[in-house]
């Protein structure tokens, strides 16, 4: 099993010029995952891309963490609907092929 890479929250905050409280807000809303190792908090490397999106929304559009939560929930619903539409199209194609 591969070891998961973790990135120190303070390092991310310094790099992206954000406050730790912003990360805490995202965590309290369940938008990001934080892992604690020996009283030090980290974010898994594979979750950094989502955090970057949230930071851009926050900085570029001046959206607060609650608004980011709404945006990400809507984006998830769009993805779910796209998957459902693709499955429906595949079913319809099979149905058309069977009835030709």
PDB file of N, CA and C in Angstrom:
ATOM      1  N   UNK A   1       0.842  -1.175   0.000  1.00  0.00           N
ATOM      2  CA  UNK A   1       0.000   0.000   0.000  1.00  0.00           C
ATOM      3  C   UNK A   1       0.888   1.239   0.000  1.00  0.00           C
ATOM      4  N   UNK A   2       0.621   2.174  -0.901  1.00  0.00           N
ATOM      5  CA  UNK A   2       1.417   3.392  -1.008  1.00  0.00           C
ATOM      6  C   UNK A   2       1.113   4.327   0.152  1.00  0.00           C
ATOM      7  N   UNK A   3       2.159   4.977   0.627  1.00  0.00           N
ATOM      8  CA  UNK A   3       1.982   5.915   1.721  1.00  0.00           C
ATOM      9  C   UNK A   3       1.404   7.216   1.178  1.00  0.00           C
ATOM     10  N   UNK A   4       0.426   7.745   1.877  1.00  0.00           N
ATOM     11  CA  UNK A   4      -0.239   8.966   1.450  1.00  0.00           C
ATOM     12  C   UNK A   4       0.646  10.174   1.779  1.00  0.00           C
ATOM     13  N   UNK A   5       0.800  11.048   0.786  1.00  0.00           N
ATOM     14  CA  UNK A   5       1.582  12.267   0.999  1.00  0.00           C
ATOM     15  C   UNK A   5       0.702  13.308   1.679  1.00  0.00           C
ATOM     16  N   UNK A   6       1.227  13.928   2.706  1.00  0.00           N
ATOM     17  CA  UNK A   6       0.508  14.951   3.449  1.00  0.00           C
ATOM     18  C   UNK A   6       1.259  16.269   3.356  1.00  0.00           C
ATOM     19  N   UNK A   7       0.501  17.356   3.278  1.00  0.00           N
ATOM     20  CA  UNK A   7       1.110  18.679   3.181  1.00  0.00           C
ATOM     21  C   UNK A   7       0.667  19.492   4.390  1.00  0.00           C
ATOM     22  N   UNK A   8       1.629  20.097   5.040  1.00  0.00           N
ATOM     23  CA  UNK A   8       1.388  20.888   6.236  1.00  0.00           C
ATOM     24  C   UNK A   8       0.479  22.073   5.906  1.00  0.00           C
ATOM     25  N   UNK A   9      -0.551  22.271   6.709  1.00  0.00           N
ATOM     26  CA  UNK A   9      -1.518  23.345   6.458  1.00  0.00           C
ATOM     27  C   UNK A   9      -0.844  24.712   6.457  1.00  0.00           C
ATOM     28  N   UNK A  10       0.056  24.941   7.385  1.00  0.00           N
ATOM     29  CA  UNK A  10       0.722  26.236   7.455  1.00  0.00           C
ATOM     30  C   UNK A  10       1.536  26.520   6.192  1.00  0.00           C
ATOM     31  N   UNK A  11       2.125  25.486   5.619  1.00  0.00           N
ATOM     32  CA  UNK A  11       2.874  25.635   4.366  1.00  0.00           C
ATOM     33  C   UNK A  11       1.938  26.056   3.237  1.00  0.00           C
ATOM     34  N   UNK A  12       0.782  25.413   3.153  1.00  0.00           N
ATOM     35  CA  UNK A  12      -0.204  25.779   2.127  1.00  0.00           C
ATOM     36  C   UNK A  12      -0.687  27.212   2.318  1.00  0.00           C
ATOM     37  N   UNK A  13      -0.964  27.574   3.556  1.00  0.00           N
ATOM     38  CA  UNK A  13      -1.458  28.923   3.836  1.00  0.00           C
ATOM     39  C   UNK A  13      -0.425  29.980   3.452  1.00  0.00           C
ATOM     40  N   UNK A  14       0.817  29.714   3.722  1.00  0.00           N
ATOM     41  CA  UNK A  14       1.880  30.643   3.340  1.00  0.00           C
ATOM     42  C   UNK A  14       1.996  30.719   1.823  1.00  0.00           C
ATOM     43  N   UNK A  15       1.976  29.582   1.163  1.00  0.00           N
ATOM     44  CA  UNK A  15       2.118  29.533  -0.293  1.00  0.00           C
ATOM     45  C   UNK A  15       0.975  30.258  -1.000  1.00  0.00           C
ATOM     46  N   UNK A  16      -0.249  30.028  -0.553  1.00  0.00           N
ATOM     47  CA  UNK A  16      -1.426  30.611  -1.211  1.00  0.00           C
ATOM     48  C   UNK A  16      -1.867  31.939  -0.597  1.00  0.00           C
ATOM     49  N   UNK A  17      -1.139  32.380   0.414  1.00  0.00           N
ATOM     50  CA  UNK A  17      -1.422  33.645   1.090  1.00  0.00           C
ATOM     51  C   UNK A  17      -2.855  33.693   1.611  1.00  0.00           C
ATOM     52  N   UNK A  18      -3.216  32.662   2.375  1.00  0.00           N
ATOM     53  CA  UNK A  18      -4.528  32.592   3.003  1.00  0.00           C
ATOM     54  C   UNK A  18      -4.346  32.397   4.500  1.00  0.00           C
ATOM     55  N   UNK A  19      -5.390  32.676   5.243  1.00  0.00           N
ATOM     56  CA  UNK A  19      -5.363  32.502   6.690  1.00  0.00           C
ATOM     57  C   UNK A  19      -5.711  31.051   7.051  1.00  0.00           C
ATOM     58  N   UNK A  20      -5.147  30.579   8.126  1.00  0.00           N
ATOM     59  CA  UNK A  20      -5.460  29.240   8.623  1.00  0.00           C
ATOM     60  C   UNK A  20      -6.951  29.172   8.967  1.00  0.00           C
ATOM     61  N   UNK A  21      -7.524  30.283   9.399  1.00  0.00           N
ATOM     62  CA  UNK A  21      -8.951  30.295   9.744  1.00  0.00           C
ATOM     63  C   UNK A  21      -9.827  29.987   8.533  1.00  0.00           C
ATOM     64  N   UNK A  22      -9.376  30.367   7.325  1.00  0.00           N
ATOM     65  CA  UNK A  22     -10.119  30.043   6.108  1.00  0.00           C
ATOM     66  C   UNK A  22     -10.144  28.522   5.914  1.00  0.00           C
ATOM     67  N   UNK A  23      -9.005  27.888   6.089  1.00  0.00           N
ATOM     68  CA  UNK A  23      -8.911  26.427   5.981  1.00  0.00           C
ATOM     69  C   UNK A  23      -9.782  25.777   7.054  1.00  0.00           C
ATOM     70  N   UNK A  24      -9.759  26.331   8.265  1.00  0.00           N
ATOM     71  CA  UNK A  24     -10.598  25.797   9.342  1.00  0.00           C
ATOM     72  C   UNK A  24     -12.080  25.906   8.996  1.00  0.00           C
ATOM     73  N   UNK A  25     -12.465  27.005   8.361  1.00  0.00           N
ATOM     74  CA  UNK A  25     -13.863  27.180   7.947  1.00  0.00           C
ATOM     75  C   UNK A  25     -14.259  26.134   6.914  1.00  0.00           C
ATOM     76  N   UNK A  26     -13.383  25.891   5.949  1.00  0.00           N
ATOM     77  CA  UNK A  26     -13.664  24.879   4.928  1.00  0.00           C
ATOM     78  C   UNK A  26     -13.784  23.499   5.564  1.00  0.00           C
ATOM     79  N   UNK A  27     -12.927  23.232   6.528  1.00  0.00           N
ATOM     80  CA  UNK A  27     -12.970  21.941   7.226  1.00  0.00           C
ATOM     81  C   UNK A  27     -14.265  21.794   8.027  1.00  0.00           C
ATOM     82  N   UNK A  28     -14.662  22.858   8.728  1.00  0.00           N
ATOM     83  CA  UNK A  28     -15.874  22.776   9.549  1.00  0.00           C
ATOM     84  C   UNK A  28     -17.122  22.566   8.699  1.00  0.00           C
ATOM     85  N   UNK A  29     -17.076  23.001   7.429  1.00  0.00           N
ATOM     86  CA  UNK A  29     -18.197  22.784   6.506  1.00  0.00           C
ATOM     87  C   UNK A  29     -18.113  21.423   5.814  1.00  0.00           C
ATOM     88  N   UNK A  30     -17.029  20.688   6.066  1.00  0.00           N
ATOM     89  CA  UNK A  30     -16.856  19.372   5.458  1.00  0.00           C
ATOM     90  C   UNK A  30     -16.358  19.421   4.029  1.00  0.00           C
ATOM     91  N   UNK A  31     -15.778  20.556   3.622  1.00  0.00           N
ATOM     92  CA  UNK A  31     -15.313  20.717   2.243  1.00  0.00           C
ATOM     93  C   UNK A  31     -13.918  20.164   2.012  1.00  0.00           C
ATOM     94  N   UNK A  32     -13.122  20.102   3.061  1.00  0.00           N
ATOM     95  CA  UNK A  32     -11.772  19.557   2.931  1.00  0.00           C
ATOM     96  C   UNK A  32     -11.530  18.554   4.051  1.00  0.00           C
ATOM     97  N   UNK A  33     -10.549  17.717   3.816  1.00  0.00           N
ATOM     98  CA  UNK A  33     -10.153  16.695   4.782  1.00  0.00           C
ATOM     99  C   UNK A  33      -8.858  17.155   5.448  1.00  0.00           C
ATOM    100  N   UNK A  34      -8.826  17.087   6.748  1.00  0.00           N
ATOM    101  CA  UNK A  34      -7.611  17.405   7.493  1.00  0.00           C
ATOM    102  C   UNK A  34      -7.230  16.176   8.308  1.00  0.00           C
ATOM    103  N   UNK A  35      -5.949  15.836   8.250  1.00  0.00           N
ATOM    104  CA  UNK A  35      -5.440  14.723   9.052  1.00  0.00           C
ATOM    105  C   UNK A  35      -4.474  15.277  10.082  1.00  0.00           C
ATOM    106  N   UNK A  36      -4.558  14.768  11.281  1.00  0.00           N
ATOM    107  CA  UNK A  36      -3.683  15.210  12.356  1.00  0.00           C
ATOM    108  C   UNK A  36      -2.700  14.095  12.688  1.00  0.00           C
ATOM    109  N   UNK A  37      -1.415  14.460  12.676  1.00  0.00           N
ATOM    110  CA  UNK A  37      -0.354  13.524  13.024  1.00  0.00           C
ATOM    111  C   UNK A  37       0.493  14.203  14.096  1.00  0.00           C
ATOM    112  N   UNK A  38       0.479  13.619  15.276  1.00  0.00           N
ATOM    113  CA  UNK A  38       1.243  14.156  16.403  1.00  0.00           C
ATOM    114  C   UNK A  38       0.968  15.644  16.609  1.00  0.00           C
ATOM    115  N   UNK A  39      -0.311  15.989  16.680  1.00  0.00           N
ATOM    116  CA  UNK A  39      -0.795  17.350  16.936  1.00  0.00           C
ATOM    117  C   UNK A  39      -0.471  18.350  15.825  1.00  0.00           C
ATOM    118  N   UNK A  40      -0.042  17.863  14.662  1.00  0.00           N
ATOM    119  CA  UNK A  40       0.231  18.726  13.514  1.00  0.00           C
ATOM    120  C   UNK A  40      -0.788  18.384  12.439  1.00  0.00           C
ATOM    121  N   UNK A  41      -1.379  19.433  11.848  1.00  0.00           N
ATOM    122  CA  UNK A  41      -2.464  19.222  10.888  1.00  0.00           C
ATOM    123  C   UNK A  41      -1.962  19.288   9.447  1.00  0.00           C
ATOM    124  N   UNK A  42      -2.472  18.349   8.655  1.00  0.00           N
ATOM    125  CA  UNK A  42      -2.065  18.216   7.258  1.00  0.00           C
ATOM    126  C   UNK A  42      -3.289  18.054   6.360  1.00  0.00           C
ATOM    127  N   UNK A  43      -3.075  18.324   5.069  1.00  0.00           N
ATOM    128  CA  UNK A  43      -4.073  18.036   4.041  1.00  0.00           C
ATOM    129  C   UNK A  43      -3.455  17.015   3.100  1.00  0.00           C
ATOM    130  N   UNK A  44      -4.203  15.959   2.755  1.00  0.00           N
ATOM    131  CA  UNK A  44      -3.677  14.980   1.802  1.00  0.00           C
ATOM    132  C   UNK A  44      -3.381  15.643   0.457  1.00  0.00           C
ATOM    133  N   UNK A  45      -2.273  15.257  -0.145  1.00  0.00           N
ATOM    134  CA  UNK A  45      -1.817  15.877  -1.391  1.00  0.00           C
ATOM    135  C   UNK A  45      -2.878  15.804  -2.493  1.00  0.00           C
ATOM    136  N   UNK A  46      -3.611  14.688  -2.573  1.00  0.00           N
ATOM    137  CA  UNK A  46      -4.597  14.552  -3.649  1.00  0.00           C
ATOM    138  C   UNK A  46      -5.798  15.475  -3.464  1.00  0.00           C
ATOM    139  N   UNK A  47      -5.934  16.102  -2.303  1.00  0.00           N
ATOM    140  CA  UNK A  47      -7.048  17.028  -2.043  1.00  0.00           C
ATOM    141  C   UNK A  47      -6.650  18.486  -2.261  1.00  0.00           C
ATOM    142  N   UNK A  48      -5.388  18.735  -2.578  1.00  0.00           N
ATOM    143  CA  UNK A  48      -4.906  20.108  -2.743  1.00  0.00           C
ATOM    144  C   UNK A  48      -5.562  20.778  -3.951  1.00  0.00           C
ATOM    145  N   UNK A  49      -5.830  20.034  -5.017  1.00  0.00           N
ATOM    146  CA  UNK A  49      -6.459  20.621  -6.211  1.00  0.00           C
ATOM    147  C   UNK A  49      -7.827  21.208  -5.862  1.00  0.00           C
ATOM    148  N   UNK A  50      -8.604  20.487  -5.047  1.00  0.00           N
ATOM    149  CA  UNK A  50      -9.901  21.020  -4.615  1.00  0.00           C
ATOM    150  C   UNK A  50      -9.714  22.267  -3.763  1.00  0.00           C
ATOM    151  N   UNK A  51      -8.732  22.231  -2.881  1.00  0.00           N
ATOM    152  CA  UNK A  51      -8.453  23.404  -2.049  1.00  0.00           C
ATOM    153  C   UNK A  51      -8.072  24.592  -2.925  1.00  0.00           C
ATOM    154  N   UNK A  52      -7.271  24.361  -3.960  1.00  0.00           N
ATOM    155  CA  UNK A  52      -6.885  25.442  -4.870  1.00  0.00           C
ATOM    156  C   UNK A  52      -8.108  26.053  -5.552  1.00  0.00           C
ATOM    157  N   UNK A  53      -9.049  25.222  -5.963  1.00  0.00           N
ATOM    158  CA  UNK A  53     -10.288  25.727  -6.570  1.00  0.00           C
ATOM    159  C   UNK A  53     -11.042  26.613  -5.583  1.00  0.00           C
ATOM    160  N   UNK A  54     -11.123  26.151  -4.350  1.00  0.00           N
ATOM    161  CA  UNK A  54     -11.835  26.906  -3.321  1.00  0.00           C
ATOM    162  C   UNK A  54     -11.151  28.242  -3.042  1.00  0.00           C
ATOM    163  N   UNK A  55      -9.832  28.231  -3.038  1.00  0.00           N
ATOM    164  CA  UNK A  55      -9.084  29.466  -2.816  1.00  0.00           C
ATOM    165  C   UNK A  55      -9.335  30.441  -3.955  1.00  0.00           C
ATOM    166  N   UNK A  56      -9.312  29.950  -5.203  1.00  0.00           N
ATOM    167  CA  UNK A  56      -9.571  30.843  -6.351  1.00  0.00           C
ATOM    168  C   UNK A  56     -10.977  31.427  -6.295  1.00  0.00           C
ATOM    169  N   UNK A  57     -11.953  30.601  -5.959  1.00  0.00           N
ATOM    170  CA  UNK A  57     -13.326  31.107  -5.843  1.00  0.00           C
ATOM    171  C   UNK A  57     -13.391  32.171  -4.760  1.00  0.00           C
ATOM    172  N   UNK A  58     -12.735  31.914  -3.651  1.00  0.00           N
ATOM    173  CA  UNK A  58     -12.739  32.856  -2.526  1.00  0.00           C
ATOM    174  C   UNK A  58     -12.046  34.168  -2.889  1.00  0.00           C
ATOM    175  N   UNK A  59     -10.878  34.069  -3.504  1.00  0.00           N
ATOM    176  CA  UNK A  59     -10.098  35.274  -3.795  1.00  0.00           C
ATOM    177  C   UNK A  59     -10.595  36.023  -5.029  1.00  0.00           C
ATOM    178  N   UNK A  60     -10.857  35.299  -6.108  1.00  0.00           N
ATOM    179  CA  UNK A  60     -11.232  35.955  -7.362  1.00  0.00           C
ATOM    180  C   UNK A  60     -12.669  36.460  -7.352  1.00  0.00           C
ATOM    181  N   UNK A  61     -13.564  35.690  -6.745  1.00  0.00           N
ATOM    182  CA  UNK A  61     -14.987  36.037  -6.768  1.00  0.00           C
ATOM    183  C   UNK A  61     -15.489  36.572  -5.428  1.00  0.00           C
ATOM    184  N   UNK A  62     -14.602  36.582  -4.439  1.00  0.00           N
ATOM    185  CA  UNK A  62     -14.933  37.066  -3.094  1.00  0.00           C
ATOM    186  C   UNK A  62     -16.119  36.321  -2.493  1.00  0.00           C
ATOM    187  N   UNK A  63     -16.097  34.993  -2.651  1.00  0.00           N
ATOM    188  CA  UNK A  63     -17.155  34.132  -2.115  1.00  0.00           C
ATOM    189  C   UNK A  63     -16.704  33.606  -0.756  1.00  0.00           C
ATOM    190  N   UNK A  64     -17.603  33.664   0.225  1.00  0.00           N
ATOM    191  CA  UNK A  64     -17.269  33.177   1.560  1.00  0.00           C
ATOM    192  C   UNK A  64     -17.343  31.646   1.601  1.00  0.00           C
ATOM    193  N   UNK A  65     -16.838  31.018   2.664  1.00  0.00           N
ATOM    194  CA  UNK A  65     -16.836  29.550   2.736  1.00  0.00           C
ATOM    195  C   UNK A  65     -18.223  28.924   2.571  1.00  0.00           C
ATOM    196  N   UNK A  66     -19.256  29.556   3.105  1.00  0.00           N
ATOM    197  CA  UNK A  66     -20.606  29.012   2.948  1.00  0.00           C
ATOM    198  C   UNK A  66     -21.029  29.027   1.482  1.00  0.00           C
ATOM    199  N   UNK A  67     -20.667  30.081   0.757  1.00  0.00           N
ATOM    200  CA  UNK A  67     -20.960  30.156  -0.666  1.00  0.00           C
ATOM    201  C   UNK A  67     -20.188  29.111  -1.458  1.00  0.00           C
ATOM    202  N   UNK A  68     -18.947  28.872  -1.045  1.00  0.00           N
ATOM    203  CA  UNK A  68     -18.134  27.830  -1.690  1.00  0.00           C
ATOM    204  C   UNK A  68     -18.792  26.469  -1.501  1.00  0.00           C
ATOM    205  N   UNK A  69     -19.347  26.241  -0.315  1.00  0.00           N
ATOM    206  CA  UNK A  69     -20.053  24.995  -0.042  1.00  0.00           C
ATOM    207  C   UNK A  69     -21.217  24.825  -1.016  1.00  0.00           C
ATOM    208  N   UNK A  70     -21.988  25.883  -1.224  1.00  0.00           N
ATOM    209  CA  UNK A  70     -23.120  25.831  -2.155  1.00  0.00           C
ATOM    210  C   UNK A  70     -22.625  25.547  -3.575  1.00  0.00           C
ATOM    211  N   UNK A  71     -21.575  26.234  -3.985  1.00  0.00           N
ATOM    212  CA  UNK A  71     -21.026  26.049  -5.331  1.00  0.00           C
ATOM    213  C   UNK A  71     -20.570  24.609  -5.538  1.00  0.00           C
ATOM    214  N   UNK A  72     -19.830  24.066  -4.588  1.00  0.00           N
ATOM    215  CA  UNK A  72     -19.333  22.699  -4.733  1.00  0.00           C
ATOM    216  C   UNK A  72     -20.465  21.677  -4.714  1.00  0.00           C
ATOM    217  N   UNK A  73     -21.508  21.935  -3.920  1.00  0.00           N
ATOM    218  CA  UNK A  73     -22.668  21.036  -3.934  1.00  0.00           C
ATOM    219  C   UNK A  73     -23.363  21.076  -5.294  1.00  0.00           C
ATOM    220  N   UNK A  74     -23.499  22.257  -5.870  1.00  0.00           N
ATOM    221  CA  UNK A  74     -24.114  22.379  -7.192  1.00  0.00           C
ATOM    222  C   UNK A  74     -23.262  21.709  -8.259  1.00  0.00           C
ATOM    223  N   UNK A  75     -21.948  21.880  -8.180  1.00  0.00           N
ATOM    224  CA  UNK A  75     -21.060  21.229  -9.150  1.00  0.00           C
ATOM    225  C   UNK A  75     -21.149  19.711  -9.041  1.00  0.00           C
ATOM    226  N   UNK A  76     -21.287  19.204  -7.826  1.00  0.00           N
ATOM    227  CA  UNK A  76     -21.440  17.762  -7.633  1.00  0.00           C
ATOM    228  C   UNK A  76     -22.754  17.279  -8.242  1.00  0.00           C
ATOM    229  N   UNK A  77     -23.815  18.066  -8.075  1.00  0.00           N
ATOM    230  CA  UNK A  77     -25.105  17.693  -8.669  1.00  0.00           C
ATOM    231  C   UNK A  77     -25.022  17.686 -10.189  1.00  0.00           C
ATOM    232  N   UNK A  78     -24.308  18.662 -10.764  1.00  0.00           N
ATOM    233  CA  UNK A  78     -24.132  18.696 -12.212  1.00  0.00           C
ATOM    234  C   UNK A  78     -23.394  17.444 -12.681  1.00  0.00           C
ATOM    235  N   UNK A  79     -22.330  17.074 -11.991  1.00  0.00           N
ATOM    236  CA  UNK A  79     -21.582  15.860 -12.345  1.00  0.00           C
ATOM    237  C   UNK A  79     -22.468  14.620 -12.247  1.00  0.00           C
ATOM    238  N   UNK A  80     -23.276  14.545 -11.189  1.00  0.00           N
ATOM    239  CA  UNK A  80     -24.184  13.404 -11.028  1.00  0.00           C
ATOM    240  C   UNK A  80     -25.189  13.348 -12.180  1.00  0.00           C
ATOM    241  N   UNK A  81     -25.725  14.498 -12.559  1.00  0.00           N
ATOM    242  CA  UNK A  81     -26.694  14.542 -13.658  1.00  0.00           C
ATOM    243  C   UNK A  81     -26.047  14.173 -14.989  1.00  0.00           C
ATOM    244  N   UNK A  82     -24.795  14.584 -15.189  1.00  0.00           N
ATOM    245  CA  UNK A  82     -24.077  14.200 -16.417  1.00  0.00           C
ATOM    246  C   UNK A  82     -23.906  12.689 -16.480  1.00  0.00           C
ATOM    247  N   UNK A  83     -23.558  12.084 -15.358  1.00  0.00           N
ATOM    248  CA  UNK A  83     -23.396  10.631 -15.314  1.00  0.00           C
ATOM    249  C   UNK A  83     -24.723   9.932 -15.581  1.00  0.00           C
ATOM    250  N   UNK A  84     -25.772  10.442 -14.986  1.00  0.00           N
ATOM    251  CA  UNK A  84     -27.093   9.862 -15.187  1.00  0.00           C
ATOM    252  C   UNK A  84     -27.526   9.992 -16.647  1.00  0.00           C
ATOM    253  N   UNK A  85     -27.260  11.140 -17.253  1.00  0.00           N
ATOM    254  CA  UNK A  85     -27.602  11.347 -18.658  1.00  0.00           C
ATOM    255  C   UNK A  85     -26.827  10.390 -19.557  1.00  0.00           C
ATOM    256  N   UNK A  86     -25.544  10.205 -19.278  1.00  0.00           N
ATOM    257  CA  UNK A  86     -24.725   9.289 -20.074  1.00  0.00           C
ATOM    258  C   UNK A  86     -25.266   7.860 -19.960  1.00  0.00           C
ATOM    259  N   UNK A  87     -25.648   7.447 -18.759  1.00  0.00           N
ATOM    260  CA  UNK A  87     -26.198   6.108 -18.566  1.00  0.00           C
ATOM    261  C   UNK A  87     -27.524   5.958 -19.312  1.00  0.00           C
ATOM    262  N   UNK A  88     -28.332   6.990 -19.279  1.00  0.00           N
ATOM    263  CA  UNK A  88     -29.618   6.956 -19.985  1.00  0.00           C
ATOM    264  C   UNK A  88     -29.411   6.878 -21.495  1.00  0.00           C
ATOM    265  N   UNK A  89     -28.447   7.622 -22.003  1.00  0.00           N
ATOM    266  CA  UNK A  89     -28.136   7.571 -23.435  1.00  0.00           C
ATOM    267  C   UNK A  89     -27.673   6.172 -23.839  1.00  0.00           C
ATOM    268  N   UNK A  90     -26.838   5.559 -23.014  1.00  0.00           N
ATOM    269  CA  UNK A  90     -26.362   4.196 -23.306  1.00  0.00           C
ATOM    270  C   UNK A  90     -27.510   3.201 -23.311  1.00  0.00           C
ATOM    271  N   UNK A  91     -28.418   3.338 -22.370  1.00  0.00           N
ATOM    272  CA  UNK A  91     -29.583   2.455 -22.319  1.00  0.00           C
ATOM    273  C   UNK A  91     -30.444   2.641 -23.559  1.00  0.00           C
ATOM    274  N   UNK A  92     -30.643   3.878 -23.949  1.00  0.00           N
ATOM    275  CA  UNK A  92     -31.442   4.171 -25.137  1.00  0.00           C
ATOM    276  C   UNK A  92     -30.791   3.606 -26.399  1.00  0.00           C
ATOM    277  N   UNK A  93     -29.476   3.713 -26.497  1.00  0.00           N
ATOM    278  CA  UNK A  93     -28.757   3.156 -27.659  1.00  0.00           C
ATOM    279  C   UNK A  93     -28.939   1.638 -27.712  1.00  0.00           C
ATOM    280  N   UNK A  94     -28.804   0.970 -26.541  1.00  0.00           N
ATOM    281  CA  UNK A  94     -29.001  -0.484 -26.499  1.00  0.00           C
ATOM    282  C   UNK A  94     -30.423  -0.840 -26.916  1.00  0.00           C
ATOM    283  N   UNK A  95     -31.387  -0.093 -26.432  1.00  0.00           N
ATOM    284  CA  UNK A  95     -32.782  -0.344 -26.762  1.00  0.00           C
ATOM    285  C   UNK A  95     -33.013  -0.195 -28.264  1.00  0.00           C
ATOM    286  N   UNK A  96     -32.430   0.846 -28.872  1.00  0.00           N
ATOM    287  CA  UNK A  96     -32.581   1.071 -30.304  1.00  0.00           C
ATOM    288  C   UNK A  96     -31.927  -0.062 -31.104  1.00  0.00           C
ATOM    289  N   UNK A  97     -30.758  -0.514 -30.660  1.00  0.00           N
ATOM    290  CA  UNK A  97     -30.061  -1.598 -31.370  1.00  0.00           C
ATOM    291  C   UNK A  97     -30.851  -2.898 -31.271  1.00  0.00           C
ATOM    292  N   UNK A  98     -31.467  -3.164 -30.135  1.00  0.00           N
ATOM    293  CA  UNK A  98     -32.237  -4.391 -29.959  1.00  0.00           C
ATOM    294  C   UNK A  98     -33.503  -4.389 -30.801  1.00  0.00           C
ATOM    295  N   UNK A  99     -34.036  -3.225 -31.099  1.00  0.00           N
ATOM    296  CA  UNK A  99     -35.298  -3.136 -31.829  1.00  0.00           C
ATOM    297  C   UNK A  99     -35.127  -2.785 -33.301  1.00  0.00           C
ATOM    298  N   UNK A 100     -33.961  -2.960 -33.821  1.00  0.00           N
ATOM    299  CA  UNK A 100     -33.737  -2.672 -35.245  1.00  0.00           C
ATOM    300  C   UNK A 100     -33.943  -3.890 -36.086  1.00  0.00           C
TER     301      UNK A 100
END
